[in-house]
Protein backbone atom coordinates (compact mmCIF):
# COMPACT_ATOMS: atom_id res chain seq x y z
CA MET A 1 120.85 100.10 114.33
CA SER A 2 119.01 96.68 114.25
CA SER A 3 119.31 94.34 111.00
CA GLY A 4 118.76 90.97 110.08
CA SER A 5 116.61 88.92 107.46
CA GLY A 6 113.77 86.25 107.46
CA PRO A 7 110.87 84.81 105.96
CA LEU A 8 107.92 87.46 104.78
CA THR A 9 104.70 87.85 107.42
CA ARG A 10 101.85 86.98 106.42
CA GLY A 11 100.82 90.28 106.22
CA GLN A 12 103.92 91.12 103.89
CA ASP A 13 102.95 88.64 101.50
CA ASN A 14 99.49 89.21 101.46
CA MET A 15 100.14 92.69 100.54
CA ILE A 16 103.04 92.00 97.79
CA ARG A 17 100.89 89.94 95.53
CA CYS A 18 98.61 93.06 95.47
CA ILE A 19 101.44 95.32 94.65
CA ARG A 20 102.61 92.91 91.99
CA SER A 21 98.84 92.73 90.15
CA ASP A 22 97.46 96.38 91.75
CA ALA A 23 97.79 99.84 89.96
CA PRO A 24 100.23 101.89 92.95
CA GLU A 25 97.51 104.45 93.28
CA ARG A 26 95.56 101.27 94.36
CA ILE A 27 98.37 100.26 97.40
CA ASN A 28 100.35 103.09 98.28
CA LYS A 29 98.75 105.05 100.87
CA ASP A 30 99.34 108.94 100.77
CA SER A 31 98.65 111.20 103.79
CA VAL A 32 99.14 115.11 105.00
CA TRP A 33 101.30 114.73 108.16
CA PRO A 34 100.86 117.26 110.97
CA VAL A 35 103.75 119.59 111.52
CA PRO A 36 104.41 120.82 115.09
CA ALA A 37 104.41 124.63 114.87
CA GLY A 38 108.15 126.05 114.26
CA THR A 39 109.38 123.15 112.94
CA SER A 40 112.13 124.18 110.61
CA VAL A 41 113.31 121.69 107.65
CA PRO A 42 117.07 120.85 108.93
CA ALA A 43 115.02 119.25 112.44
CA GLY A 44 112.01 117.86 109.89
CA LEU A 45 114.53 116.43 108.12
CA GLU A 46 116.57 114.91 111.36
CA ALA A 47 113.09 113.96 112.84
CA LEU A 48 112.58 111.69 109.65
CA ARG A 49 115.72 110.19 109.88
CA LEU A 50 115.14 109.37 113.64
CA LEU A 51 111.56 108.11 112.44
CA VAL A 52 113.84 105.86 109.77
CA GLU A 53 115.94 104.24 112.21
CA ARG A 54 113.46 103.95 114.86
CA HIS A 55 111.01 101.31 112.51
CA GLU A 56 112.52 98.11 111.01
CA SER A 57 109.54 97.87 108.52
CA LEU A 58 110.67 101.52 107.22
CA ARG A 59 114.17 99.66 106.51
CA THR A 60 113.07 96.79 104.92
CA SER A 61 113.60 95.62 101.22
CA PHE A 62 111.93 92.47 99.43
CA PRO A 63 114.66 91.28 97.06
CA PRO A 64 113.59 88.85 94.23
CA GLY A 65 113.19 85.49 94.79
CA PRO A 66 114.79 82.30 93.25
CA GLY A 67 111.53 81.36 91.81
CA PRO A 68 110.69 81.62 87.89
CA ASP A 69 108.47 84.71 88.96
CA GLY A 70 110.90 86.36 91.23
CA PHE A 71 108.05 86.74 93.74
CA PRO A 72 109.86 88.17 97.24
CA VAL A 73 110.35 85.29 99.70
CA ARG A 74 112.13 86.92 102.25
CA GLN A 75 112.29 90.43 104.20
CA VAL A 76 115.61 92.21 104.53
CA VAL A 77 116.26 94.62 107.31
CA HIS A 78 118.92 97.13 106.55
CA PRO A 79 121.07 98.70 109.25
CA SER A 80 122.18 102.02 107.04
CA GLY A 81 121.10 103.27 104.24
CA ARG A 82 120.01 106.61 102.28
CA PHE A 83 117.12 108.00 101.34
CA THR A 84 115.65 111.45 99.50
CA VAL A 85 113.29 113.88 100.50
CA ALA A 86 111.53 115.98 97.93
CA VAL A 87 111.35 119.68 99.12
CA VAL A 88 108.62 121.58 97.62
CA GLU A 89 108.94 125.84 98.07
CA ALA A 90 105.55 127.35 98.75
CA ASP A 91 106.39 131.09 99.29
CA GLY A 92 103.36 133.55 99.50
CA HIS A 93 100.84 130.09 99.96
CA ASP A 94 97.91 130.78 102.44
CA ASP A 95 97.02 127.87 104.51
CA GLY A 96 94.14 126.67 102.17
CA ARG A 97 96.54 126.75 99.22
CA LEU A 98 98.93 124.84 101.27
CA ASP A 99 96.77 122.45 102.39
CA ALA A 100 95.51 121.89 98.24
CA LEU A 101 99.27 121.90 97.13
CA ALA A 102 99.94 119.30 99.36
CA GLY A 103 97.16 117.18 98.63
CA GLU A 104 97.99 117.77 95.03
CA LEU A 105 101.65 116.47 95.65
CA GLY A 106 100.00 113.62 97.53
CA ARG A 107 97.83 112.40 94.53
CA ALA A 108 100.75 112.57 92.41
CA ASP A 109 103.59 110.77 94.15
CA VAL A 110 101.05 107.99 94.97
CA ALA A 111 100.70 106.85 91.47
CA VAL A 112 104.70 106.36 91.91
CA PRO A 113 105.80 102.92 92.56
CA LEU A 114 108.23 101.94 95.76
CA ASP A 115 110.24 99.73 94.34
CA LEU A 116 110.07 96.53 96.64
CA ALA A 117 113.54 95.52 96.14
CA VAL A 118 114.89 99.01 97.91
CA ALA A 119 114.77 100.32 101.10
CA PRO A 120 112.97 102.99 102.49
CA ARG A 121 109.30 101.83 102.86
CA ILE A 122 108.19 105.20 102.68
CA ARG A 123 108.21 108.57 100.75
CA PHE A 124 108.44 112.29 101.86
CA THR A 125 107.40 115.47 100.66
CA LEU A 126 108.25 118.83 102.53
CA VAL A 127 106.37 121.97 101.90
CA ALA A 128 108.58 124.84 103.21
CA ARG A 129 108.94 128.40 103.49
CA GLY A 130 112.46 129.30 103.07
CA GLU A 131 113.69 127.10 106.24
CA GLN A 132 109.87 127.08 107.71
CA LEU A 133 108.03 123.53 107.36
CA LEU A 134 104.63 123.87 106.84
CA ARG A 135 103.43 120.79 105.28
CA LEU A 136 104.71 116.59 105.37
CA VAL A 137 103.62 114.61 102.46
CA ALA A 138 103.95 110.77 103.11
CA VAL A 139 103.25 108.25 100.60
CA VAL A 140 103.69 104.86 102.50
CA CYS A 141 104.05 101.62 100.57
CA HIS A 142 101.69 98.97 102.06
CA ALA A 143 104.09 96.01 102.40
CA GLY A 144 106.23 98.43 104.69
CA ALA A 145 103.06 99.96 106.70
CA ASP A 146 99.28 99.89 106.81
CA GLY A 147 96.81 102.27 108.28
CA ALA A 148 97.16 101.66 111.66
CA ALA A 149 101.10 101.53 111.41
CA THR A 150 100.79 104.79 109.82
CA ALA A 151 99.06 106.28 112.61
CA VAL A 152 102.34 105.40 115.24
CA LEU A 153 104.23 106.53 112.35
CA ILE A 154 102.38 109.82 112.75
CA GLN A 155 102.59 110.27 116.48
CA ASP A 156 106.42 109.37 116.72
CA TRP A 157 107.16 111.92 113.43
CA CYS A 158 105.29 114.75 116.26
CA ALA A 159 107.22 113.99 118.84
CA LEU A 160 110.61 113.49 117.41
CA ALA A 161 109.71 116.97 115.00
CA ALA A 162 109.03 118.29 118.60
CA GLY A 163 112.18 117.03 119.77
CA ARG A 164 111.03 115.00 122.18
CA GLU A 165 112.48 111.55 122.97
CA LEU A 166 110.56 108.62 122.87
CA PRO A 167 111.04 105.10 124.57
CA PRO A 168 112.35 102.43 123.08
CA VAL A 169 109.81 100.46 120.79
CA VAL A 170 108.16 97.02 122.22
CA ALA A 171 105.69 95.98 119.47
CA PRO A 172 107.07 93.16 117.74
CA THR A 173 108.91 93.85 114.72
CA PRO A 174 107.93 92.22 111.11
CA LEU A 175 110.87 89.92 111.76
CA ARG A 176 109.41 88.83 115.42
CA LEU A 177 106.12 88.49 113.63
CA ALA A 178 107.39 86.31 111.30
CA ALA A 179 109.10 83.72 113.30
CA ALA A 180 106.09 83.97 115.40
CA GLU A 181 103.99 83.13 112.59
CA GLN A 182 106.18 80.53 111.47
CA SER A 183 106.50 78.22 114.80
CA ARG A 184 104.22 75.11 115.36
CA GLN A 185 101.42 77.21 116.72
CA GLY A 186 101.55 80.25 114.34
CA ARG A 187 101.22 77.74 111.90
CA ARG A 188 98.60 75.86 113.64
CA LYS A 189 96.41 78.96 113.53
CA ALA A 190 97.19 79.74 109.58
CA ALA A 191 95.46 76.28 109.29
CA ALA A 192 92.41 76.85 111.70
CA GLY A 193 91.94 80.63 109.59
CA LEU A 194 91.87 78.73 106.34
CA ARG A 195 89.27 75.62 107.49
CA HIS A 196 87.38 79.01 108.76
CA TRP A 197 87.23 80.60 105.32
CA ALA A 198 86.43 77.00 103.73
CA ARG A 199 83.29 76.89 105.50
CA VAL A 200 82.07 79.81 104.87
CA LEU A 201 82.94 80.25 101.01
CA GLY A 202 81.46 76.61 100.68
CA GLY A 203 78.40 76.94 102.44
CA ALA A 204 77.34 80.59 102.46
CA PRO A 205 75.63 82.79 99.48
CA GLN A 206 78.14 83.90 97.19
CA THR A 207 76.71 86.88 95.84
CA VAL A 208 74.38 89.67 98.30
CA PHE A 209 72.76 91.84 95.44
CA ALA A 210 70.38 90.44 93.12
CA ASP A 211 69.74 93.58 90.87
CA PRO A 212 69.04 93.67 87.06
CA ARG A 213 71.73 96.86 87.19
CA VAL A 214 74.59 94.47 88.14
CA THR A 215 75.71 93.88 84.21
CA GLY A 216 79.84 94.19 85.08
CA PRO A 217 82.58 94.47 87.33
CA PRO A 218 82.03 97.21 89.70
CA ARG A 219 83.14 100.67 88.37
CA ASP A 220 82.62 104.24 88.28
CA HIS A 221 82.05 104.33 91.95
CA THR A 222 80.42 107.07 93.89
CA ALA A 223 81.84 108.09 97.66
CA LEU A 224 79.94 110.04 100.31
CA MET A 225 81.67 111.59 103.53
CA VAL A 226 79.26 111.67 106.23
CA ARG A 227 79.81 113.77 109.43
CA SER A 228 77.71 114.07 112.41
CA ALA A 229 78.09 115.18 115.98
CA SER A 230 74.77 114.10 117.05
CA ALA A 231 75.46 110.68 115.64
CA ALA A 232 78.45 110.74 117.53
CA GLY A 233 76.36 110.76 120.89
CA HIS A 234 73.75 108.39 119.54
CA LEU A 235 76.25 105.84 118.86
CA ALA A 236 78.11 106.30 122.24
CA ALA A 237 74.16 106.02 123.98
CA VAL A 238 73.77 102.68 122.23
CA CYS A 239 76.84 101.23 123.19
CA ARG A 240 76.17 101.99 126.85
CA ARG A 241 72.84 100.42 126.01
CA VAL A 242 73.86 97.38 124.74
CA GLY A 243 77.21 96.72 125.95
CA ALA A 244 79.26 96.87 122.69
CA SER A 245 82.23 98.89 121.15
CA PRO A 246 81.49 101.22 118.22
CA SER A 247 82.70 99.12 115.84
CA VAL A 248 80.56 96.20 116.58
CA VAL A 249 77.27 98.66 116.82
CA LEU A 250 78.09 100.31 112.77
CA LEU A 251 79.05 96.90 111.81
CA ALA A 252 75.67 95.48 112.64
CA ALA A 253 73.71 98.74 111.71
CA PHE A 254 75.55 98.57 108.73
CA ALA A 255 74.32 94.80 108.07
CA ALA A 256 70.86 95.63 108.68
CA LEU A 257 70.73 98.12 106.12
CA VAL A 258 72.56 95.94 103.61
CA ALA A 259 70.16 92.91 103.96
CA HIS A 260 67.58 94.93 103.55
CA ARG A 261 68.16 96.98 100.85
CA ALA A 262 69.12 93.61 99.34
CA GLY A 263 65.81 91.81 100.58
CA ARG A 264 67.84 89.67 101.73
CA ARG A 265 67.39 87.67 105.30
CA GLY A 266 69.63 85.26 106.83
CA GLY A 267 73.41 84.42 105.67
CA LEU A 268 75.42 87.81 105.13
CA VAL A 269 79.19 87.39 104.16
CA MET A 270 81.17 90.61 104.79
CA SER A 271 84.58 91.48 104.10
CA ALA A 272 86.41 93.71 107.14
CA LEU A 273 89.49 94.78 105.92
CA SER A 274 93.21 95.23 108.20
CA ALA A 275 90.90 92.75 110.93
CA ASN A 276 94.43 91.45 112.67
CA ARG A 277 94.56 94.58 114.94
CA HIS A 278 92.32 92.96 117.20
CA GLN A 279 95.57 91.32 119.19
CA ALA A 280 96.96 93.37 121.93
CA GLU A 281 100.55 92.71 121.55
CA LEU A 282 100.01 94.20 117.92
CA ILE A 283 97.80 97.63 118.34
CA ASP A 284 101.55 99.72 117.49
CA HIS A 285 102.95 96.77 115.13
CA VAL A 286 104.57 98.98 112.59
CA GLY A 287 104.33 96.91 109.40
CA THR A 288 101.45 95.45 107.43
CA LEU A 289 98.68 93.52 109.42
CA ALA A 290 96.44 94.01 106.07
CA GLN A 291 94.47 90.60 105.64
CA ASP A 292 90.61 90.38 105.69
CA ALA A 293 88.24 88.85 108.35
CA LEU A 294 85.24 87.19 106.34
CA ILE A 295 82.52 87.40 108.75
CA LEU A 296 79.42 85.35 107.89
CA LEU A 297 76.27 87.14 110.01
CA ASP A 298 72.65 85.68 110.51
CA THR A 299 70.89 89.04 109.87
CA ASP A 300 67.58 87.06 110.75
CA ALA A 301 67.18 88.73 113.96
CA ALA A 302 64.06 90.29 115.42
CA ASP A 303 65.88 93.47 116.64
CA LEU A 304 68.59 95.60 115.99
CA ASP A 305 70.15 94.79 119.80
CA GLN A 306 70.09 90.66 118.98
CA LEU A 307 71.62 91.52 115.73
CA ILE A 308 74.45 93.76 117.52
CA GLY A 309 74.86 90.43 119.88
CA ARG A 310 75.63 88.18 117.05
CA ALA A 311 77.87 90.76 115.19
CA LYS A 312 79.96 90.75 118.56
CA SER A 313 80.22 87.13 117.97
CA ALA A 314 80.69 86.71 114.77
CA SER A 315 83.33 89.45 113.99
CA LEU A 316 85.53 87.86 116.80
CA LYS A 317 85.46 84.71 115.19
CA ALA A 318 86.70 86.16 111.96
CA TYR A 319 89.01 88.40 113.69
CA TRP A 320 90.87 85.18 115.22
CA ASN A 321 90.49 83.38 111.82
CA SER A 322 91.94 86.29 109.76
CA ILE A 323 95.76 85.34 109.85
CA LEU A 324 96.18 83.41 106.69
CA ASP A 325 98.70 82.21 103.99
CA ALA A 326 97.56 84.35 100.98
CA GLU A 327 98.44 81.77 98.59
CA GLN A 328 96.69 78.96 100.37
CA VAL A 329 93.92 81.65 100.65
CA TRP A 330 93.72 82.34 96.93
CA GLN A 331 93.63 78.82 96.15
CA LEU A 332 90.65 78.11 98.44
CA VAL A 333 88.91 80.93 96.31
CA GLU A 334 89.53 79.60 92.98
CA ASP A 335 88.54 75.79 94.04
CA VAL A 336 85.71 76.98 95.51
CA ALA A 337 84.81 79.00 92.48
CA HIS A 338 85.36 75.38 90.64
CA ARG A 339 83.23 73.31 92.84
CA ARG A 340 80.46 75.83 93.71
CA GLY A 341 80.68 77.56 89.83
CA SER A 342 80.45 81.30 91.66
CA ARG A 343 83.23 82.76 92.56
CA PHE A 344 83.48 85.07 95.86
CA ALA A 345 84.07 88.72 95.29
CA ARG A 346 84.56 91.62 98.02
CA GLN A 347 80.79 92.49 97.94
CA VAL A 348 80.34 93.78 101.18
CA VAL A 349 83.31 95.55 102.89
CA VAL A 350 83.71 97.60 106.12
CA ASN A 351 87.33 99.35 106.44
CA ASP A 352 86.95 100.57 110.79
CA LEU A 353 89.77 102.84 110.38
CA SER A 354 88.29 104.87 113.72
CA LEU A 355 91.94 103.82 115.42
CA THR A 356 94.48 104.76 112.58
CA VAL A 357 93.61 107.84 113.01
CA PRO A 358 96.10 109.83 115.51
CA PRO A 359 94.25 112.62 117.15
CA ALA A 360 96.35 115.36 116.29
CA VAL A 361 94.61 114.68 112.39
CA ALA A 362 91.18 114.32 113.51
CA ASP A 363 91.46 117.73 116.27
CA ALA A 364 92.80 119.97 113.33
CA GLN A 365 89.72 118.62 111.49
CA PRO A 366 86.91 121.88 111.58
CA PRO A 367 83.47 120.63 113.34
CA PRO A 368 81.11 119.81 110.81
CA SER A 369 79.63 122.90 108.94
CA ARG A 370 76.22 121.54 109.51
CA ASP A 371 74.56 118.10 111.18
CA PRO A 372 74.44 116.30 109.13
CA GLU A 373 77.39 117.00 106.69
CA LEU A 374 77.49 115.52 103.80
CA THR A 375 80.12 115.79 101.24
CA PRO A 376 80.05 114.02 97.71
CA LEU A 377 83.96 112.52 96.63
CA PRO A 378 85.56 111.29 94.23
CA GLY A 379 85.36 107.64 93.84
CA PRO A 380 87.99 105.41 94.16
CA PRO A 381 88.56 102.52 91.96
CA LEU A 382 87.23 99.57 94.44
CA PRO A 383 86.64 96.26 93.83
CA VAL A 384 83.52 96.31 95.73
CA ARG A 385 80.03 97.15 95.36
CA LEU A 386 79.38 98.89 99.14
CA MET A 387 81.60 99.76 101.39
CA LEU A 388 81.70 101.35 104.84
CA ALA A 389 85.16 102.90 106.36
CA ILE A 390 84.61 104.27 109.63
CA LEU A 391 87.28 107.34 110.00
CA ARG A 392 85.96 108.98 113.31
CA ILE A 393 83.81 108.03 116.28
CA THR A 394 84.06 110.43 119.06
CA GLY A 395 83.59 113.90 118.85
CA SER A 396 81.88 113.17 115.29
CA LEU A 397 80.93 110.53 113.82
CA ASP A 398 82.88 110.62 110.55
CA PHE A 399 82.30 107.75 107.71
CA VAL A 400 82.85 107.24 104.06
CA LEU A 401 80.00 105.39 102.20
CA VAL A 402 81.38 103.92 98.90
CA ALA A 403 78.53 102.45 96.28
CA CYS A 404 79.18 100.72 92.98
CA PRO A 405 76.11 102.80 91.24
CA GLN A 406 75.03 99.05 89.40
CA VAL A 407 74.28 98.79 93.42
CA LEU A 408 73.14 102.41 94.87
CA ASP A 409 73.77 105.27 92.90
CA ALA A 410 74.23 108.68 94.35
CA GLU A 411 70.75 109.30 95.63
CA GLU A 412 70.60 106.55 97.00
CA THR A 413 73.48 106.27 98.96
CA GLU A 414 72.94 109.68 100.42
CA GLY A 415 69.54 107.80 101.44
CA PHE A 416 71.66 104.75 102.64
CA ALA A 417 73.87 107.23 105.10
CA ARG A 418 70.47 108.85 106.26
CA ALA A 419 69.64 105.85 107.03
CA LEU A 420 72.09 104.83 109.25
CA LEU A 421 72.22 108.10 110.83
CA ALA A 422 68.24 107.47 111.76
CA LEU A 423 68.51 103.76 112.83
CA LEU A 424 71.53 104.79 115.24
CA ALA A 425 69.24 107.59 116.81
CA ALA A 426 66.60 105.15 117.33
CA ALA A 427 68.48 102.41 119.09
CA ALA A 428 70.04 105.20 121.36
CA GLU A 429 66.32 105.05 122.77
CA GLY A 430 66.04 101.39 122.80
CA PRO A 431 65.64 97.98 120.84
CA VAL A 432 64.77 99.17 117.04
CA LEU A 433 62.22 96.03 115.31
CA LEU A 434 64.01 95.30 112.26
CA ALA A 435 60.57 94.75 110.80
CA ASP A 436 60.29 98.34 111.19
CA LEU A 437 63.56 99.20 108.78
CA PRO A 438 61.30 99.95 105.80
CA ALA A 439 60.25 103.33 107.79
CA VAL A 440 64.14 104.21 108.09
CA LEU A 441 65.32 103.15 104.31
CA GLY A 442 61.92 102.87 102.71
CA PRO A 443 61.08 99.46 101.25
CA PRO A 444 63.67 96.93 99.84
CA ALA A 445 64.62 96.52 96.65
CA GLU A 446 61.92 95.00 94.56
CA ARG A 447 62.96 91.43 93.71
CA PRO A 448 63.54 91.39 89.96
CA GLY A 449 61.39 89.98 87.49
CA GLY A 450 62.48 88.08 84.46
CA GLU A 451 64.67 85.08 84.89
CA TRP A 452 66.10 85.48 88.45
CA ARG A 453 66.32 82.59 90.53
CA LEU A 454 67.45 81.52 93.61
CA VAL A 455 70.40 78.52 93.29
CA ASP A 456 72.89 77.86 96.09
CA GLY A 457 71.81 80.22 98.06
CA SER A 458 72.36 83.39 95.95
CA TRP A 459 70.05 85.19 93.49
CA ILE A 460 71.46 84.67 89.83
CA ASP A 461 69.81 86.05 86.28
CA LEU A 462 69.51 82.77 84.03
CA ALA A 463 70.07 85.68 81.36
CA ALA A 464 73.50 86.08 82.80
CA VAL A 465 74.43 82.41 82.74
CA ARG A 466 73.40 82.07 79.18
CA ALA A 467 75.62 84.48 78.31
CA LEU A 468 78.77 83.48 80.70
CA VAL A 469 78.38 79.85 79.01
CA ASP A 470 78.50 81.25 75.69
CA ALA A 471 81.02 83.26 76.04
CA ALA A 472 83.19 80.40 77.41
CA VAL A 473 82.22 77.26 74.97
CA GLY A 474 79.62 78.76 72.60
CA PRO A 475 76.29 77.69 71.55
CA HIS A 476 74.00 75.85 74.10
CA ARG A 477 70.73 74.82 75.72
CA LEU A 478 70.34 75.81 79.33
CA SER A 479 67.81 74.07 81.73
CA LEU A 480 66.95 74.51 85.67
CA ALA A 481 65.58 71.73 87.46
CA GLU A 482 65.58 71.35 91.63
CA GLY A 483 68.27 73.81 91.89
CA ARG A 484 70.37 72.44 89.21
CA LEU A 485 71.82 74.33 86.29
CA VAL A 486 72.32 72.28 83.53
CA ALA A 487 74.19 73.22 80.00
CA GLU A 488 73.70 71.13 77.00
CA ILE A 489 76.09 71.62 74.18
CA ALA A 490 76.55 70.35 70.43
CA THR A 491 79.85 70.76 69.51
CA ASP A 492 82.61 69.20 66.50
CA ASP A 493 85.42 69.76 68.71
CA PRO A 494 86.76 66.52 69.84
CA ALA A 495 88.63 68.07 72.83
CA LEU A 496 85.28 69.19 74.36
CA ASP A 497 84.26 67.42 77.62
CA PRO A 498 82.40 68.29 80.91
CA ALA A 499 85.52 68.50 82.45
CA THR A 500 86.74 71.41 79.88
CA ALA A 501 83.58 73.00 79.10
CA HIS A 502 83.59 73.89 83.18
CA ARG A 503 87.23 75.07 83.28
CA ALA A 504 86.15 77.87 80.48
CA VAL A 505 83.26 78.61 82.20
CA VAL A 506 84.87 78.90 85.67
CA ALA A 507 88.05 80.98 84.14
CA ALA A 508 84.87 83.66 82.77
CA LEU A 509 83.30 83.96 86.05
CA PRO A 510 85.34 86.89 87.23
CA GLY A 511 83.22 90.34 86.77
CA ARG A 512 79.98 88.52 86.55
CA ASP A 513 78.55 88.38 90.08
CA THR A 514 74.99 87.64 88.77
CA ALA A 515 75.86 84.24 86.56
CA MET A 516 76.67 80.91 87.87
CA ALA A 517 78.59 78.21 86.40
CA PRO A 518 76.38 75.10 85.52
CA HIS A 519 76.25 72.26 87.75
CA HIS A 520 76.18 69.78 85.20
CA TYR A 521 77.26 69.36 81.38
CA VAL A 522 75.95 67.16 78.41
CA VAL A 523 78.40 67.48 75.54
CA ARG A 524 76.80 66.01 72.16
CA ARG A 525 79.21 65.23 69.40
CA ALA A 526 78.11 64.16 66.02
CA THR A 527 80.27 61.06 65.07
CA ALA A 528 80.27 58.96 61.73
CA ASP A 529 78.17 56.74 63.63
CA GLY A 530 75.26 58.90 64.94
CA GLU A 531 76.23 60.74 68.23
CA GLU A 532 78.60 60.56 70.98
CA ILE A 533 77.32 62.13 74.24
CA GLU A 534 79.94 62.63 77.33
CA ALA A 535 78.13 64.06 80.67
CA GLY A 536 79.22 65.07 83.84
CA SER A 537 79.74 67.64 86.38
CA GLY A 538 83.17 68.91 85.18
CA ARG A 539 84.49 69.33 88.72
CA ASP A 540 87.97 67.80 88.95
CA PRO A 541 87.69 65.32 91.86
CA GLU A 542 91.17 66.37 93.61
CA ILE A 543 89.67 69.58 93.97
CA VAL A 544 86.31 68.25 95.56
CA ALA A 545 88.55 66.31 97.77
CA ARG A 546 91.27 69.10 98.68
CA LEU A 547 88.16 70.94 99.83
CA SER A 548 86.44 68.20 101.58
CA ALA A 549 89.49 67.68 103.64
CA LEU A 550 89.63 71.97 104.48
CA THR A 551 85.72 71.59 105.76
């Protein structure tokens, strides 16, 4: 078997950072893989051995690095090793109970971390009746395989379990990909991606939803599975009519409804997950390419057709600029928050998984029991406000809407899903004026009254700003004039100056989507001779200069 070591790929680096900071169930991915009829447990074990031997990414470990935090800096592909497979006896279970048991095993196992320093990057549980293999549950470490790579693994598993020989792997291995990314051309591409992110984060609206229900971090999500055979036909008709891919059409339709629901026209910033599969040579890559594309879409269009055209251009630009140095991106997010006083968060997310679901898995699904079929699901704990996860686009349009109830409650989420289906049906017949969206989704959310103001392209709540500054530096007086927020602070603290105040306020920003740090600080300090006043933006000139160099 092949072996070797080398630097991390950019996707591995990004996912290892997530693995080290997030709970395992938010990073690991569990799934139940199809089992070819008549597969025995010994044949299944042999197929798993061949699968791990076939793909270097599964035989990769990430030993601790030399830095004080031990962050890995290299990947090591092992030529040999051992892995343990759990076997669960399921004598007497019918198919429904077998499926439920496999799901329960996956949900339990996904919460158990996979050691980065030890291969393989995948765990298996076999559900068997004697020597008959009935179900295969896999838990994949996201540093070893993303969703699209898992689809390749499932296809290879099915072939190997059926006794078929597979041709050699031709897609680049993670080691080859890392070498390409560290080449001169690869570094230039990453630098261009960072500049794209800097332009979007530095100038586009940082928030989408101005809703008085937004009072803290996203939580208590609802999820709605939607399946519709007729919608798949409508989607195909729209694609034929406008000459765009299903992914682009769904992106544009989703964006149109989000912009309408949020009551905003103009720039809408969306994150597209796992964007790097757009490169033809990486379609079958087994590894992790999980980095976001940052899409800036101008939603101020006359009709959906025009928005689809813009979505095609905007998404291609974002995908092209989605291979990034993760450390530099996170530093960029921090720098922009420091300069603008508002922090980027994934508020609106698209995750197109339609190419990651193997046909064997999709075809095993029963047809929708009605059209549309809407099924509430447990809401995943995601740091998003609204996410569209596209699962299937042919035969049936299957997608999941995940919504934070501070933006859409369960009833509103269902209304949004039905509006998306209605918009596709209308667009299948011809152009749909975006001015007609109220007939599909109802009127836009009412602009909040009270102390909501449009500042730096984002709607903010002055009450939330005061709460932010209070929490960070204490009592103050806040004013807004000509688009500038000014905080006047009276203090006895000799160390408190505009720079110290601003750093404290920015540090308190996470989870406060409707707040923004002041643009200017006036610090008043009583002295024996009267009053000492320090005033300024509090922005670090080095950070401002660093951002200016990028944009």
